[in-house]
């Protein structure tokens, strides 16, 4: 039975199975010759195969992991990993290195690659980077200090501004001096004053701690009791009781008046309501509660009262 070759696809007969077939010149010879001819390269006058007839698919581009076709490059600053340097490029690099070494030796520059700056190409670039870094630092420091400091000040002038501000702070605190560090002024001097203020507030009946903010401690000063508090008012009883609440203190003394009758409570000792003719009303009294009081009197009239801390 006839078949085809695997590479060129040439037609061929089986000597046994096709032994009795008629010989066909076209299929058995001419077609095969044409296939062979199409696969054979033509030669240039110099005997070389034209580039377009080369089997490109069998020649991959070279890389760091495989061999193949590689392009030459005369550049000395290329980052390509698929091109090869020419001898002239290698020479350029070698000449530059030699000049660099000679420059270092002649001027005592040293190895610029060991500079701690980002720019290492030239000494000028490195110095400019340092200047920019220092100037930016001065601007940041001047901004943190505030007036009258400015970015145009020298480091010595900036230090003087800091000392002046520290002196002013120490004078305001009444503790320390401009020679103290900021850490000492804030963490030691100021904290000591806060602790003292907290202790004084505690001694005046206020809950205070040195770990609070200074503003919190200052606000508590307003709550210090500087004398006896009192309050007064009037109202109509509900169910024979006038209840007074929301006082800023718990009463120790109180007096109530209604319809000519007067009652009092002195540190818990209460009296019934009585008038000027020694007439009194039983089961009437004043009772103290936390931040308030209750006045017991069976009347529909208004009761006036005054209470003291």
C-alpha atoms as a PDB file:
ATOM      1  CA  UNK A   1       0.000   0.000   0.000  1.00  0.00           C
ATOM      2  CA  UNK A   2       1.416   3.436  -1.030  1.00  0.00           C
ATOM      3  CA  UNK A   3       2.595   5.924   1.668  1.00  0.00           C
ATOM      4  CA  UNK A   4       4.424   9.259   2.088  1.00  0.00           C
ATOM      5  CA  UNK A   5       7.772  10.018   3.659  1.00  0.00           C
ATOM      6  CA  UNK A   6       7.464  11.803   7.041  1.00  0.00           C
ATOM      7  CA  UNK A   7       9.576  14.896   6.256  1.00  0.00           C
ATOM      8  CA  UNK A   8       9.087  15.857   2.597  1.00  0.00           C
ATOM      9  CA  UNK A   9       5.904  13.895   1.998  1.00  0.00           C
ATOM     10  CA  UNK A  10       7.377  12.007  -0.985  1.00  0.00           C
ATOM     11  CA  UNK A  11       5.065   9.473  -2.522  1.00  0.00           C
ATOM     12  CA  UNK A  12       6.301   5.868  -2.454  1.00  0.00           C
ATOM     13  CA  UNK A  13       4.921   2.462  -3.319  1.00  0.00           C
ATOM     14  CA  UNK A  14       5.031  -0.726  -1.314  1.00  0.00           C
ATOM     15  CA  UNK A  15       7.136  -3.253  -3.297  1.00  0.00           C
ATOM     16  CA  UNK A  16       4.861  -6.116  -2.268  1.00  0.00           C
ATOM     17  CA  UNK A  17       1.388  -4.666  -1.963  1.00  0.00           C
ATOM     18  CA  UNK A  18       1.751  -2.400  -5.007  1.00  0.00           C
ATOM     19  CA  UNK A  19       3.839  -4.715  -7.177  1.00  0.00           C
ATOM     20  CA  UNK A  20       1.152  -5.032  -9.865  1.00  0.00           C
ATOM     21  CA  UNK A  21       0.312  -1.286 -10.084  1.00  0.00           C
ATOM     22  CA  UNK A  22       1.023   0.581 -13.309  1.00  0.00           C
ATOM     23  CA  UNK A  23       4.031   2.888 -13.012  1.00  0.00           C
ATOM     24  CA  UNK A  24       2.778   6.513 -12.959  1.00  0.00           C
ATOM     25  CA  UNK A  25       5.470   8.981 -13.976  1.00  0.00           C
ATOM     26  CA  UNK A  26       3.594  12.007 -12.618  1.00  0.00           C
ATOM     27  CA  UNK A  27       2.911  10.746  -9.074  1.00  0.00           C
ATOM     28  CA  UNK A  28       5.923   8.484  -8.670  1.00  0.00           C
ATOM     29  CA  UNK A  29       8.560  10.766 -10.195  1.00  0.00           C
ATOM     30  CA  UNK A  30       7.579  14.286 -11.205  1.00  0.00           C
ATOM     31  CA  UNK A  31       5.584  15.183  -8.087  1.00  0.00           C
ATOM     32  CA  UNK A  32       8.360  13.862  -5.876  1.00  0.00           C
ATOM     33  CA  UNK A  33      11.021  15.820  -7.792  1.00  0.00           C
ATOM     34  CA  UNK A  34       8.985  19.007  -7.384  1.00  0.00           C
ATOM     35  CA  UNK A  35       8.736  18.462  -3.621  1.00  0.00           C
ATOM     36  CA  UNK A  36      12.481  17.915  -3.349  1.00  0.00           C
ATOM     37  CA  UNK A  37      13.223  20.946  -5.493  1.00  0.00           C
ATOM     38  CA  UNK A  38      11.026  23.225  -3.371  1.00  0.00           C
ATOM     39  CA  UNK A  39      12.978  22.283  -0.276  1.00  0.00           C
ATOM     40  CA  UNK A  40      16.444  22.784  -1.730  1.00  0.00           C
ATOM     41  CA  UNK A  41      17.957  26.263  -1.185  1.00  0.00           C
ATOM     42  CA  UNK A  42      19.237  28.363  -4.047  1.00  0.00           C
ATOM     43  CA  UNK A  43      22.745  29.755  -3.758  1.00  0.00           C
ATOM     44  CA  UNK A  44      23.941  33.319  -4.166  1.00  0.00           C
ATOM     45  CA  UNK A  45      26.759  34.049  -6.656  1.00  0.00           C
ATOM     46  CA  UNK A  46      29.171  33.829  -3.711  1.00  0.00           C
ATOM     47  CA  UNK A  47      27.932  30.328  -2.930  1.00  0.00           C
ATOM     48  CA  UNK A  48      26.049  31.350   0.243  1.00  0.00           C
ATOM     49  CA  UNK A  49      22.424  30.551   1.039  1.00  0.00           C
ATOM     50  CA  UNK A  50      20.196  33.687   1.052  1.00  0.00           C
ATOM     51  CA  UNK A  51      19.087  34.737   4.562  1.00  0.00           C
ATOM     52  CA  UNK A  52      15.396  34.416   3.673  1.00  0.00           C
ATOM     53  CA  UNK A  53      15.943  30.722   2.904  1.00  0.00           C
ATOM     54  CA  UNK A  54      17.598  29.923   6.201  1.00  0.00           C
ATOM     55  CA  UNK A  55      15.471  27.848   8.618  1.00  0.00           C
ATOM     56  CA  UNK A  56      14.871  30.633  11.163  1.00  0.00           C
ATOM     57  CA  UNK A  57      12.663  28.442  13.313  1.00  0.00           C
ATOM     58  CA  UNK A  58      15.657  26.321  14.172  1.00  0.00           C
ATOM     59  CA  UNK A  59      17.803  29.311  15.297  1.00  0.00           C
ATOM     60  CA  UNK A  60      16.280  30.910  18.465  1.00  0.00           C
ATOM     61  CA  UNK A  61      17.274  34.273  19.875  1.00  0.00           C
ATOM     62  CA  UNK A  62      20.100  33.917  22.349  1.00  0.00           C
ATOM     63  CA  UNK A  63      19.494  34.685  26.023  1.00  0.00           C
ATOM     64  CA  UNK A  64      21.121  34.044  29.366  1.00  0.00           C
ATOM     65  CA  UNK A  65      19.470  30.605  29.430  1.00  0.00           C
ATOM     66  CA  UNK A  66      19.885  29.352  25.832  1.00  0.00           C
ATOM     67  CA  UNK A  67      22.207  29.605  22.873  1.00  0.00           C
ATOM     68  CA  UNK A  68      21.011  31.202  19.626  1.00  0.00           C
ATOM     69  CA  UNK A  69      21.251  34.180  17.324  1.00  0.00           C
ATOM     70  CA  UNK A  70      22.726  37.211  19.066  1.00  0.00           C
ATOM     71  CA  UNK A  71      22.955  40.833  17.952  1.00  0.00           C
ATOM     72  CA  UNK A  72      26.144  42.795  18.492  1.00  0.00           C
ATOM     73  CA  UNK A  73      25.924  46.123  20.364  1.00  0.00           C
ATOM     74  CA  UNK A  74      28.568  48.843  20.701  1.00  0.00           C
ATOM     75  CA  UNK A  75      26.747  50.628  23.529  1.00  0.00           C
ATOM     76  CA  UNK A  76      28.467  50.830  26.913  1.00  0.00           C
ATOM     77  CA  UNK A  77      25.330  51.589  28.938  1.00  0.00           C
ATOM     78  CA  UNK A  78      22.862  49.035  27.549  1.00  0.00           C
ATOM     79  CA  UNK A  79      20.934  46.816  29.970  1.00  0.00           C
ATOM     80  CA  UNK A  80      20.080  44.224  27.293  1.00  0.00           C
ATOM     81  CA  UNK A  81      20.481  40.544  28.171  1.00  0.00           C
ATOM     82  CA  UNK A  82      20.009  39.345  24.577  1.00  0.00           C
ATOM     83  CA  UNK A  83      22.776  41.373  22.853  1.00  0.00           C
ATOM     84  CA  UNK A  84      26.544  40.931  22.911  1.00  0.00           C
ATOM     85  CA  UNK A  85      29.124  43.654  23.415  1.00  0.00           C
ATOM     86  CA  UNK A  86      31.594  44.297  20.629  1.00  0.00           C
ATOM     87  CA  UNK A  87      35.330  44.527  21.272  1.00  0.00           C
ATOM     88  CA  UNK A  88      35.068  48.297  20.710  1.00  0.00           C
ATOM     89  CA  UNK A  89      32.476  48.580  23.499  1.00  0.00           C
ATOM     90  CA  UNK A  90      34.703  46.595  25.823  1.00  0.00           C
ATOM     91  CA  UNK A  91      37.606  48.893  24.960  1.00  0.00           C
ATOM     92  CA  UNK A  92      35.510  51.998  25.688  1.00  0.00           C
ATOM     93  CA  UNK A  93      34.670  50.661  29.132  1.00  0.00           C
ATOM     94  CA  UNK A  94      38.295  49.762  29.801  1.00  0.00           C
ATOM     95  CA  UNK A  95      39.471  53.227  28.715  1.00  0.00           C
ATOM     96  CA  UNK A  96      36.884  54.876  31.001  1.00  0.00           C
ATOM     97  CA  UNK A  97      38.002  52.754  33.955  1.00  0.00           C
ATOM     98  CA  UNK A  98      41.613  53.624  33.290  1.00  0.00           C
ATOM     99  CA  UNK A  99      40.791  57.355  33.143  1.00  0.00           C
ATOM    100  CA  UNK A 100      38.755  57.072  36.323  1.00  0.00           C
ATOM    101  CA  UNK A 101      41.606  55.402  38.167  1.00  0.00           C
ATOM    102  CA  UNK A 102      44.045  58.012  36.916  1.00  0.00           C
ATOM    103  CA  UNK A 103      41.718  60.816  38.064  1.00  0.00           C
ATOM    104  CA  UNK A 104      41.429  59.345  41.549  1.00  0.00           C
ATOM    105  CA  UNK A 105      45.168  58.920  41.841  1.00  0.00           C
ATOM    106  CA  UNK A 106      45.935  62.399  40.542  1.00  0.00           C
ATOM    107  CA  UNK A 107      43.518  64.347  42.746  1.00  0.00           C
ATOM    108  CA  UNK A 108      43.247  62.185  45.846  1.00  0.00           C
ATOM    109  CA  UNK A 109      39.510  61.755  45.343  1.00  0.00           C
ATOM    110  CA  UNK A 110      39.387  58.151  46.347  1.00  0.00           C
ATOM    111  CA  UNK A 111      36.832  55.580  45.261  1.00  0.00           C
ATOM    112  CA  UNK A 112      33.583  57.499  44.590  1.00  0.00           C
ATOM    113  CA  UNK A 113      31.611  54.249  44.737  1.00  0.00           C
ATOM    114  CA  UNK A 114      32.124  54.270  48.515  1.00  0.00           C
ATOM    115  CA  UNK A 115      30.340  57.618  48.931  1.00  0.00           C
ATOM    116  CA  UNK A 116      27.329  57.409  51.269  1.00  0.00           C
ATOM    117  CA  UNK A 117      25.298  59.654  48.957  1.00  0.00           C
ATOM    118  CA  UNK A 118      22.850  58.394  46.354  1.00  0.00           C
ATOM    119  CA  UNK A 119      24.713  60.336  43.647  1.00  0.00           C
ATOM    120  CA  UNK A 120      28.154  58.795  43.138  1.00  0.00           C
ATOM    121  CA  UNK A 121      28.935  59.814  39.557  1.00  0.00           C
ATOM    122  CA  UNK A 122      30.855  62.983  40.432  1.00  0.00           C
ATOM    123  CA  UNK A 123      31.983  64.780  43.549  1.00  0.00           C
ATOM    124  CA  UNK A 124      29.867  67.782  42.497  1.00  0.00           C
ATOM    125  CA  UNK A 125      26.710  65.676  42.386  1.00  0.00           C
ATOM    126  CA  UNK A 126      27.488  64.202  45.798  1.00  0.00           C
ATOM    127  CA  UNK A 127      28.140  67.641  47.350  1.00  0.00           C
ATOM    128  CA  UNK A 128      24.936  69.058  45.832  1.00  0.00           C
ATOM    129  CA  UNK A 129      22.987  66.152  47.285  1.00  0.00           C
ATOM    130  CA  UNK A 130      24.453  66.847  50.729  1.00  0.00           C
ATOM    131  CA  UNK A 131      23.606  70.546  50.416  1.00  0.00           C
ATOM    132  CA  UNK A 132      20.012  69.764  49.431  1.00  0.00           C
ATOM    133  CA  UNK A 133      19.680  67.299  52.304  1.00  0.00           C
ATOM    134  CA  UNK A 134      21.079  69.786  54.847  1.00  0.00           C
ATOM    135  CA  UNK A 135      18.911  72.634  53.544  1.00  0.00           C
ATOM    136  CA  UNK A 136      15.777  70.481  53.719  1.00  0.00           C
ATOM    137  CA  UNK A 137      16.709  69.543  57.265  1.00  0.00           C
ATOM    138  CA  UNK A 138      17.112  73.205  58.259  1.00  0.00           C
ATOM    139  CA  UNK A 139      13.709  74.026  56.734  1.00  0.00           C
ATOM    140  CA  UNK A 140      12.079  71.258  58.770  1.00  0.00           C
ATOM    141  CA  UNK A 141      13.794  72.369  61.982  1.00  0.00           C
ATOM    142  CA  UNK A 142      12.893  76.038  61.381  1.00  0.00           C
ATOM    143  CA  UNK A 143       9.270  75.058  60.763  1.00  0.00           C
ATOM    144  CA  UNK A 144       9.208  73.065  64.010  1.00  0.00           C
ATOM    145  CA  UNK A 145      10.720  75.979  65.971  1.00  0.00           C
ATOM    146  CA  UNK A 146       8.434  78.644  64.533  1.00  0.00           C
ATOM    147  CA  UNK A 147       9.010  82.396  64.552  1.00  0.00           C
ATOM    148  CA  UNK A 148      11.562  83.943  64.363  1.00  0.00           C
ATOM    149  CA  UNK A 149      13.446  80.951  62.910  1.00  0.00           C
ATOM    150  CA  UNK A 150      13.727  80.560  59.121  1.00  0.00           C
ATOM    151  CA  UNK A 151      15.292  78.124  56.674  1.00  0.00           C
ATOM    152  CA  UNK A 152      17.953  80.730  55.883  1.00  0.00           C
ATOM    153  CA  UNK A 153      19.342  80.578  59.418  1.00  0.00           C
ATOM    154  CA  UNK A 154      22.555  78.744  60.152  1.00  0.00           C
ATOM    155  CA  UNK A 155      22.468  75.686  62.388  1.00  0.00           C
ATOM    156  CA  UNK A 156      24.004  77.822  65.145  1.00  0.00           C
ATOM    157  CA  UNK A 157      21.197  80.393  64.805  1.00  0.00           C
ATOM    158  CA  UNK A 158      18.561  77.652  64.873  1.00  0.00           C
ATOM    159  CA  UNK A 159      20.114  76.288  68.076  1.00  0.00           C
ATOM    160  CA  UNK A 160      19.910  79.782  69.632  1.00  0.00           C
ATOM    161  CA  UNK A 161      16.200  79.997  68.737  1.00  0.00           C
ATOM    162  CA  UNK A 162      15.600  76.663  70.438  1.00  0.00           C
ATOM    163  CA  UNK A 163      17.402  77.801  73.599  1.00  0.00           C
ATOM    164  CA  UNK A 164      15.364  81.028  73.663  1.00  0.00           C
ATOM    165  CA  UNK A 165      12.092  79.084  73.348  1.00  0.00           C
ATOM    166  CA  UNK A 166      13.176  76.687  76.091  1.00  0.00           C
ATOM    167  CA  UNK A 167      14.026  79.634  78.342  1.00  0.00           C
ATOM    168  CA  UNK A 168      10.592  81.133  77.716  1.00  0.00           C
ATOM    169  CA  UNK A 169       8.936  77.803  78.498  1.00  0.00           C
ATOM    170  CA  UNK A 170      10.977  77.396  81.694  1.00  0.00           C
ATOM    171  CA  UNK A 171       9.992  80.907  82.803  1.00  0.00           C
ATOM    172  CA  UNK A 172       6.317  80.151  82.166  1.00  0.00           C
ATOM    173  CA  UNK A 173       6.586  76.921  84.133  1.00  0.00           C
ATOM    174  CA  UNK A 174       8.528  78.595  86.916  1.00  0.00           C
ATOM    175  CA  UNK A 175      10.824  75.582  86.844  1.00  0.00           C
ATOM    176  CA  UNK A 176      13.989  74.702  84.934  1.00  0.00           C
ATOM    177  CA  UNK A 177      15.978  76.823  82.491  1.00  0.00           C
ATOM    178  CA  UNK A 178      16.931  77.166  78.842  1.00  0.00           C
ATOM    179  CA  UNK A 179      19.883  74.848  79.418  1.00  0.00           C
ATOM    180  CA  UNK A 180      17.472  71.974  80.118  1.00  0.00           C
ATOM    181  CA  UNK A 181      16.630  69.663  77.254  1.00  0.00           C
ATOM    182  CA  UNK A 182      13.089  69.742  75.909  1.00  0.00           C
ATOM    183  CA  UNK A 183      12.646  66.246  77.279  1.00  0.00           C
ATOM    184  CA  UNK A 184      13.578  67.466  80.783  1.00  0.00           C
ATOM    185  CA  UNK A 185      11.304  70.505  80.552  1.00  0.00           C
ATOM    186  CA  UNK A 186       8.300  68.461  79.411  1.00  0.00           C
ATOM    187  CA  UNK A 187       8.771  65.051  81.024  1.00  0.00           C
ATOM    188  CA  UNK A 188      10.300  66.238  84.306  1.00  0.00           C
ATOM    189  CA  UNK A 189       9.551  69.912  84.982  1.00  0.00           C
ATOM    190  CA  UNK A 190       6.038  70.071  83.514  1.00  0.00           C
ATOM    191  CA  UNK A 191       5.096  66.643  84.807  1.00  0.00           C
ATOM    192  CA  UNK A 192       6.227  67.649  88.290  1.00  0.00           C
ATOM    193  CA  UNK A 193       3.940  70.685  88.186  1.00  0.00           C
ATOM    194  CA  UNK A 194       1.037  68.522  86.971  1.00  0.00           C
ATOM    195  CA  UNK A 195       1.611  66.106  89.851  1.00  0.00           C
ATOM    196  CA  UNK A 196       1.573  69.019  92.330  1.00  0.00           C
ATOM    197  CA  UNK A 197      -1.619  70.433  90.808  1.00  0.00           C
ATOM    198  CA  UNK A 198      -3.280  67.013  90.967  1.00  0.00           C
ATOM    199  CA  UNK A 199      -2.315  66.646  94.643  1.00  0.00           C
ATOM    200  CA  UNK A 200      -3.702  70.098  95.478  1.00  0.00           C
ATOM    201  CA  UNK A 201      -6.962  69.327  93.680  1.00  0.00           C
ATOM    202  CA  UNK A 202      -7.264  66.045  95.557  1.00  0.00           C
ATOM    203  CA  UNK A 203      -6.782  67.892  98.846  1.00  0.00           C
ATOM    204  CA  UNK A 204      -9.667  70.156  97.828  1.00  0.00           C
ATOM    205  CA  UNK A 205     -11.993  67.215  97.309  1.00  0.00           C
ATOM    206  CA  UNK A 206     -11.510  66.769  93.542  1.00  0.00           C
ATOM    207  CA  UNK A 207     -10.557  63.478  91.927  1.00  0.00           C
ATOM    208  CA  UNK A 208      -7.321  64.206  90.076  1.00  0.00           C
ATOM    209  CA  UNK A 209      -4.214  62.405  88.837  1.00  0.00           C
ATOM    210  CA  UNK A 210      -0.921  63.614  87.415  1.00  0.00           C
ATOM    211  CA  UNK A 211      -1.420  61.384  84.340  1.00  0.00           C
ATOM    212  CA  UNK A 212      -4.316  63.591  83.180  1.00  0.00           C
ATOM    213  CA  UNK A 213      -3.781  66.328  80.635  1.00  0.00           C
ATOM    214  CA  UNK A 214      -2.928  69.766  81.932  1.00  0.00           C
ATOM    215  CA  UNK A 215      -6.158  71.128  80.465  1.00  0.00           C
ATOM    216  CA  UNK A 216      -8.186  68.483  82.318  1.00  0.00           C
ATOM    217  CA  UNK A 217      -6.544  69.424  85.630  1.00  0.00           C
ATOM    218  CA  UNK A 218      -7.042  73.157  85.015  1.00  0.00           C
ATOM    219  CA  UNK A 219     -10.742  72.633  84.264  1.00  0.00           C
ATOM    220  CA  UNK A 220     -11.164  70.876  87.610  1.00  0.00           C
ATOM    221  CA  UNK A 221     -10.037  73.982  89.474  1.00  0.00           C
ATOM    222  CA  UNK A 222     -13.433  75.523  88.745  1.00  0.00           C
ATOM    223  CA  UNK A 223     -15.050  72.662  90.678  1.00  0.00           C
ATOM    224  CA  UNK A 224     -13.183  73.408  93.921  1.00  0.00           C
ATOM    225  CA  UNK A 225     -15.621  74.410  96.661  1.00  0.00           C
ATOM    226  CA  UNK A 226     -14.708  77.869  97.934  1.00  0.00           C
ATOM    227  CA  UNK A 227     -17.641  78.309 100.386  1.00  0.00           C
ATOM    228  CA  UNK A 228     -21.085  77.075 101.455  1.00  0.00           C
ATOM    229  CA  UNK A 229     -23.541  76.630  98.615  1.00  0.00           C
ATOM    230  CA  UNK A 230     -27.227  77.391  98.942  1.00  0.00           C
ATOM    231  CA  UNK A 231     -30.388  77.292  96.885  1.00  0.00           C
ATOM    232  CA  UNK A 232     -33.996  78.493  97.216  1.00  0.00           C
ATOM    233  CA  UNK A 233     -37.282  78.038  95.449  1.00  0.00           C
ATOM    234  CA  UNK A 234     -40.994  77.383  95.740  1.00  0.00           C
ATOM    235  CA  UNK A 235     -43.529  74.880  94.498  1.00  0.00           C
ATOM    236  CA  UNK A 236     -46.876  73.195  95.056  1.00  0.00           C
ATOM    237  CA  UNK A 237     -46.807  69.738  96.735  1.00  0.00           C
ATOM    238  CA  UNK A 238     -47.925  66.644  94.902  1.00  0.00           C
ATOM    239  CA  UNK A 239     -49.655  64.160  97.218  1.00  0.00           C
ATOM    240  CA  UNK A 240     -48.762  66.309 100.264  1.00  0.00           C
ATOM    241  CA  UNK A 241     -45.040  66.226  99.290  1.00  0.00           C
ATOM    242  CA  UNK A 242     -42.929  68.866  97.548  1.00  0.00           C
ATOM    243  CA  UNK A 243     -39.830  67.099  96.178  1.00  0.00           C
ATOM    244  CA  UNK A 244     -36.764  69.179  95.296  1.00  0.00           C
ATOM    245  CA  UNK A 245     -34.033  67.476  93.204  1.00  0.00           C
ATOM    246  CA  UNK A 246     -30.915  68.255  91.155  1.00  0.00           C
ATOM    247  CA  UNK A 247     -29.276  70.544  93.702  1.00  0.00           C
ATOM    248  CA  UNK A 248     -25.488  70.910  93.295  1.00  0.00           C
ATOM    249  CA  UNK A 249     -25.053  69.841  96.917  1.00  0.00           C
ATOM    250  CA  UNK A 250     -26.689  67.746  99.652  1.00  0.00           C
ATOM    251  CA  UNK A 251     -28.408  70.075 102.185  1.00  0.00           C
ATOM    252  CA  UNK A 252     -27.518  70.218 105.869  1.00  0.00           C
ATOM    253  CA  UNK A 253     -29.872  73.085 106.789  1.00  0.00           C
ATOM    254  CA  UNK A 254     -33.263  74.045 105.366  1.00  0.00           C
ATOM    255  CA  UNK A 255     -36.222  76.277 106.168  1.00  0.00           C
ATOM    256  CA  UNK A 256     -39.687  76.063 104.565  1.00  0.00           C
ATOM    257  CA  UNK A 257     -42.651  78.481 104.828  1.00  0.00           C
ATOM    258  CA  UNK A 258     -46.284  77.924 103.807  1.00  0.00           C
ATOM    259  CA  UNK A 259     -49.437  79.766 104.826  1.00  0.00           C
ATOM    260  CA  UNK A 260     -47.723  81.355 107.867  1.00  0.00           C
ATOM    261  CA  UNK A 261     -46.319  78.045 109.085  1.00  0.00           C
ATOM    262  CA  UNK A 262     -42.539  77.484 109.301  1.00  0.00           C
ATOM    263  CA  UNK A 263     -40.509  74.283 109.590  1.00  0.00           C
ATOM    264  CA  UNK A 264     -36.733  73.702 109.729  1.00  0.00           C
ATOM    265  CA  UNK A 265     -34.159  70.906 109.480  1.00  0.00           C
ATOM    266  CA  UNK A 266     -30.761  71.270 111.146  1.00  0.00           C
ATOM    267  CA  UNK A 267     -28.324  68.487 110.234  1.00  0.00           C
ATOM    268  CA  UNK A 268     -31.115  65.922 110.181  1.00  0.00           C
ATOM    269  CA  UNK A 269     -33.119  67.199 113.135  1.00  0.00           C
ATOM    270  CA  UNK A 270     -36.427  68.384 111.722  1.00  0.00           C
ATOM    271  CA  UNK A 271     -39.426  70.232 113.193  1.00  0.00           C
ATOM    272  CA  UNK A 272     -43.110  70.220 112.302  1.00  0.00           C
ATOM    273  CA  UNK A 273     -44.701  73.244 110.721  1.00  0.00           C
ATOM    274  CA  UNK A 274     -45.907  75.759 113.368  1.00  0.00           C
ATOM    275  CA  UNK A 275     -46.982  79.402 113.405  1.00  0.00           C
ATOM    276  CA  UNK A 276     -46.537  82.392 115.684  1.00  0.00           C
ATOM    277  CA  UNK A 277     -49.343  81.340 118.028  1.00  0.00           C
ATOM    278  CA  UNK A 278     -47.741  77.944 118.663  1.00  0.00           C
ATOM    279  CA  UNK A 279     -50.200  76.142 116.463  1.00  0.00           C
ATOM    280  CA  UNK A 280     -48.620  73.256 114.601  1.00  0.00           C
ATOM    281  CA  UNK A 281     -49.557  70.601 112.048  1.00  0.00           C
ATOM    282  CA  UNK A 282     -48.659  66.999 112.912  1.00  0.00           C
ATOM    283  CA  UNK A 283     -46.781  64.697 110.513  1.00  0.00           C
ATOM    284  CA  UNK A 284     -45.207  67.582 108.673  1.00  0.00           C
ATOM    285  CA  UNK A 285     -41.428  67.872 108.303  1.00  0.00           C
ATOM    286  CA  UNK A 286     -38.438  68.393 105.994  1.00  0.00           C
ATOM    287  CA  UNK A 287     -36.426  65.357 104.872  1.00  0.00           C
ATOM    288  CA  UNK A 288     -32.992  65.590 103.221  1.00  0.00           C
ATOM    289  CA  UNK A 289     -31.976  63.446 100.254  1.00  0.00           C
ATOM    290  CA  UNK A 290     -28.787  63.358  98.122  1.00  0.00           C
ATOM    291  CA  UNK A 291     -28.743  66.638  96.156  1.00  0.00           C
ATOM    292  CA  UNK A 292     -32.284  67.472  97.248  1.00  0.00           C
ATOM    293  CA  UNK A 293     -35.008  67.473  99.902  1.00  0.00           C
ATOM    294  CA  UNK A 294     -38.649  66.470 100.487  1.00  0.00           C
ATOM    295  CA  UNK A 295     -41.106  68.822 102.263  1.00  0.00           C
ATOM    296  CA  UNK A 296     -44.193  67.129 103.742  1.00  0.00           C
ATOM    297  CA  UNK A 297     -47.205  69.465 104.180  1.00  0.00           C
ATOM    298  CA  UNK A 298     -50.892  68.839 103.296  1.00  0.00           C
ATOM    299  CA  UNK A 299     -51.716  71.965 101.357  1.00  0.00           C
ATOM    300  CA  UNK A 300     -52.596  73.060  97.900  1.00  0.00           C
ATOM    301  CA  UNK A 301     -50.676  76.270  98.386  1.00  0.00           C
ATOM    302  CA  UNK A 302     -47.175  77.106  97.313  1.00  0.00           C
ATOM    303  CA  UNK A 303     -44.288  76.230  99.673  1.00  0.00           C
ATOM    304  CA  UNK A 304     -41.219  78.506  99.732  1.00  0.00           C
ATOM    305  CA  UNK A 305     -37.932  77.019 100.838  1.00  0.00           C
ATOM    306  CA  UNK A 306     -34.251  77.779 101.257  1.00  0.00           C
ATOM    307  CA  UNK A 307     -31.495  75.186 101.777  1.00  0.00           C
ATOM    308  CA  UNK A 308     -27.784  75.414 102.702  1.00  0.00           C
ATOM    309  CA  UNK A 309     -24.857  73.073 102.275  1.00  0.00           C
END
